């Protein structure tokens, strides 16, 4: 059994709730959530939260903004779950699609509230001190400094492709659904992003 965000014990395994490779199991959890099962929603939330937060932290100025974005994403998911048919790319891609819209809304709101603060991160730019990198597990190596610098040299689109494919672990068809692109285009973009990352690492080693 798993413990949900509210501290309740859930009868739904968290792994099944957020396993893009086991669609039948995940779909069964989502089906229970659609009936109003609190345990199912807690399992979905607990399973999706870490990766959704990592994605949001990469795009928003503070940890609080990122947490709020994830909370808003799940609120919208609960409110619109009846619109999810179970077909297509899957529940994970649906959640990331919602989160992308929430992030855009949050950044627009931040610009309206403080236009001079510069909350938008430039392409490949440095992040605030409290911004944990979503690709942190990849950076716990002896080449961490070089990899971090090379990753920062990628453009926003390249970073997002790698985050969704490598960090979030979404299949190409789900990433395509999130980004509004074809799976083949996603695979090609990923290949190019990885090639550029390797090239940047090689240049640093010279």
Foldseek 3Di string as FASTA:
>chain_A
DDQFPVRDDAPQALCLCQPLVNLVSNVVLLVCVLVVDPSSLRSNCVNLVLLQLLVLLVWWQDSVLSVVLSVVLSVVCSVCVVVDPSDFQGDNLVSLLSSVVSSVVSVVVVCVVPVPVPGGAAFLHDGDPRRDHLCVVVQPDPCNVQLNNLLSVGGPVLNVLCSVCPRSVGQLRSVCSSVVHHSVVSVVSPVVSVVSSVVSSVVVVD
